[in-house]
N, C-alpha and C. Protein backbone atom coordinates (compact mmCIF):
# COMPACT_ATOMS: atom_id res chain seq x y z
N UNK A 1 172.73 79.47 55.79
CA UNK A 1 171.69 78.47 55.50
C UNK A 1 170.61 79.12 54.63
N UNK A 2 170.37 78.56 53.44
CA UNK A 2 169.37 79.16 52.54
C UNK A 2 167.99 79.24 53.18
N UNK A 3 167.25 80.26 52.78
CA UNK A 3 165.95 80.55 53.39
C UNK A 3 164.98 79.38 53.24
N UNK A 4 164.94 78.76 52.06
CA UNK A 4 163.97 77.69 51.84
C UNK A 4 164.27 76.47 52.72
N UNK A 5 165.54 76.26 53.04
CA UNK A 5 165.89 75.15 53.94
C UNK A 5 165.37 75.42 55.34
N UNK A 6 165.52 76.68 55.77
CA UNK A 6 165.01 77.07 57.09
C UNK A 6 163.51 76.83 57.12
N UNK A 7 162.82 77.25 56.05
CA UNK A 7 161.37 77.05 55.96
C UNK A 7 161.01 75.57 56.05
N UNK A 8 161.76 74.74 55.34
CA UNK A 8 161.49 73.30 55.36
C UNK A 8 161.64 72.73 56.77
N UNK A 9 162.73 73.10 57.43
CA UNK A 9 162.98 72.60 58.79
C UNK A 9 161.90 73.08 59.74
N UNK A 10 161.60 74.39 59.68
CA UNK A 10 160.59 74.96 60.57
C UNK A 10 159.23 74.33 60.32
N UNK A 11 158.85 74.22 59.05
CA UNK A 11 157.55 73.63 58.71
C UNK A 11 157.47 72.18 59.16
N UNK A 12 158.59 71.45 59.05
CA UNK A 12 158.63 70.06 59.48
C UNK A 12 158.42 69.97 60.99
N UNK A 13 159.13 70.82 61.73
CA UNK A 13 159.01 70.84 63.20
C UNK A 13 157.59 71.21 63.60
N UNK A 14 157.06 72.27 62.98
CA UNK A 14 155.71 72.73 63.31
C UNK A 14 154.70 71.64 62.93
N UNK A 15 154.96 70.97 61.81
CA UNK A 15 154.08 69.89 61.37
C UNK A 15 154.00 68.77 62.39
N UNK A 16 155.15 68.39 62.96
CA UNK A 16 155.17 67.34 63.99
C UNK A 16 154.42 67.79 65.23
N UNK A 17 154.63 69.06 65.61
CA UNK A 17 153.95 69.58 66.80
C UNK A 17 152.45 69.66 66.55
N UNK A 18 152.08 70.05 65.34
CA UNK A 18 150.67 70.18 64.98
C UNK A 18 149.96 68.83 65.07
N UNK A 19 150.69 67.78 64.67
CA UNK A 19 150.12 66.44 64.70
C UNK A 19 149.77 66.04 66.14
N UNK A 20 150.54 66.54 67.10
CA UNK A 20 150.34 66.17 68.50
C UNK A 20 149.45 67.15 69.27
N UNK A 21 149.75 68.44 69.13
CA UNK A 21 149.04 69.45 69.92
C UNK A 21 148.61 70.62 69.04
N UNK A 22 147.35 70.65 68.70
CA UNK A 22 146.86 71.72 67.83
C UNK A 22 146.98 73.09 68.49
N UNK A 23 146.73 73.14 69.80
CA UNK A 23 146.79 74.41 70.52
C UNK A 23 148.21 74.97 70.56
N UNK A 24 149.19 74.11 70.87
CA UNK A 24 150.56 74.58 70.96
C UNK A 24 151.05 75.02 69.59
N UNK A 25 150.54 74.41 68.53
CA UNK A 25 150.89 74.81 67.17
C UNK A 25 150.50 76.27 66.95
N UNK A 26 149.28 76.62 67.36
CA UNK A 26 148.79 77.99 67.20
C UNK A 26 149.61 78.95 68.06
N UNK A 27 149.96 78.52 69.27
CA UNK A 27 150.75 79.36 70.17
C UNK A 27 152.14 79.61 69.57
N UNK A 28 152.74 78.56 69.02
CA UNK A 28 154.07 78.69 68.41
C UNK A 28 154.01 79.65 67.22
N UNK A 29 152.99 79.50 66.39
CA UNK A 29 152.86 80.39 65.22
C UNK A 29 152.66 81.83 65.67
N UNK A 30 151.80 82.04 66.67
CA UNK A 30 151.53 83.39 67.18
C UNK A 30 152.80 83.96 67.82
N UNK A 31 153.50 83.12 68.58
CA UNK A 31 154.73 83.56 69.23
C UNK A 31 155.79 83.95 68.21
N UNK A 32 155.92 83.16 67.15
CA UNK A 32 156.90 83.46 66.11
C UNK A 32 156.53 84.76 65.40
N UNK A 33 155.24 84.95 65.14
CA UNK A 33 154.78 86.17 64.47
C UNK A 33 155.09 87.40 65.33
N UNK A 34 154.81 87.29 66.63
CA UNK A 34 155.08 88.40 67.55
C UNK A 34 156.57 88.68 67.64
N UNK A 35 157.38 87.62 67.69
CA UNK A 35 158.83 87.79 67.79
C UNK A 35 159.36 88.55 66.58
N UNK A 36 158.89 88.17 65.39
CA UNK A 36 159.31 88.84 64.15
C UNK A 36 158.85 90.29 64.16
N UNK A 37 157.60 90.51 64.53
CA UNK A 37 157.02 91.86 64.55
C UNK A 37 157.79 92.77 65.51
N UNK A 38 158.04 92.28 66.73
CA UNK A 38 158.75 93.09 67.72
C UNK A 38 160.19 93.36 67.30
N UNK A 39 160.81 92.38 66.65
CA UNK A 39 162.18 92.57 66.16
C UNK A 39 162.22 93.66 65.10
N UNK A 40 161.24 93.63 64.18
CA UNK A 40 161.17 94.64 63.13
C UNK A 40 160.94 96.03 63.72
N UNK A 41 160.01 96.13 64.67
CA UNK A 41 159.72 97.41 65.31
C UNK A 41 160.96 97.92 66.04
N UNK A 42 161.64 97.03 66.76
CA UNK A 42 162.86 97.40 67.47
C UNK A 42 163.93 97.89 66.52
N UNK A 43 164.08 97.22 65.39
CA UNK A 43 165.08 97.61 64.39
C UNK A 43 164.77 99.00 63.84
N UNK A 44 163.48 99.24 63.57
CA UNK A 44 163.06 100.54 63.03
C UNK A 44 163.35 101.65 64.03
N UNK A 45 163.01 101.42 65.31
CA UNK A 45 163.25 102.42 66.36
C UNK A 45 164.75 102.70 66.47
N UNK A 46 165.55 101.63 66.47
CA UNK A 46 167.00 101.78 66.57
C UNK A 46 167.53 102.59 65.39
N UNK A 47 167.05 102.28 64.18
CA UNK A 47 167.48 102.96 62.97
C UNK A 47 167.14 104.45 63.03
N UNK A 48 165.91 104.76 63.46
CA UNK A 48 165.47 106.16 63.58
C UNK A 48 166.34 106.91 64.58
N UNK A 49 166.64 106.27 65.72
CA UNK A 49 167.48 106.90 66.74
C UNK A 49 168.89 107.13 66.21
N UNK A 50 169.40 106.17 65.46
CA UNK A 50 170.74 106.27 64.88
C UNK A 50 170.81 107.44 63.91
N UNK A 51 169.83 107.53 63.00
CA UNK A 51 169.78 108.62 62.02
C UNK A 51 169.63 109.96 62.73
N UNK A 52 168.76 110.00 63.73
CA UNK A 52 168.54 111.22 64.51
C UNK A 52 169.85 111.68 65.17
N UNK A 53 170.58 110.73 65.74
CA UNK A 53 171.87 111.05 66.36
C UNK A 53 172.88 111.58 65.36
N UNK A 54 172.92 110.98 64.17
CA UNK A 54 173.84 111.43 63.13
C UNK A 54 173.49 112.84 62.67
N UNK A 55 172.21 113.10 62.46
CA UNK A 55 171.76 114.42 62.02
C UNK A 55 172.12 115.47 63.07
N UNK A 56 171.90 115.14 64.34
CA UNK A 56 172.22 116.09 65.42
C UNK A 56 173.73 116.34 65.50
N UNK A 57 174.54 115.32 65.22
CA UNK A 57 175.98 115.51 65.30
C UNK A 57 176.49 116.33 64.10
N UNK A 58 175.81 116.21 62.95
CA UNK A 58 176.20 116.97 61.77
C UNK A 58 175.73 118.42 61.85
N UNK A 59 174.52 118.62 62.40
CA UNK A 59 173.94 119.96 62.49
C UNK A 59 173.62 120.26 63.96
N UNK A 60 174.60 120.74 64.71
CA UNK A 60 174.43 120.97 66.15
C UNK A 60 173.25 121.89 66.49
N UNK A 61 172.89 122.81 65.60
CA UNK A 61 171.80 123.73 65.89
C UNK A 61 170.42 123.15 65.67
N UNK A 62 170.34 121.98 65.01
CA UNK A 62 169.03 121.41 64.63
C UNK A 62 168.27 120.90 65.85
């Protein structure tokens, strides 16, 4: 699914929610931001651990 379509759908959903509940709109936006941030941090940690493991397996003395 192309990125802009996802944006359209998400913005439409958030727009409907915003029309009804301004507070929940802010919570959803904050929640989405945190989810993305934590996913990125988790990916980075996983990548670093993976590289570290590869380096240790290639150079046992390191």
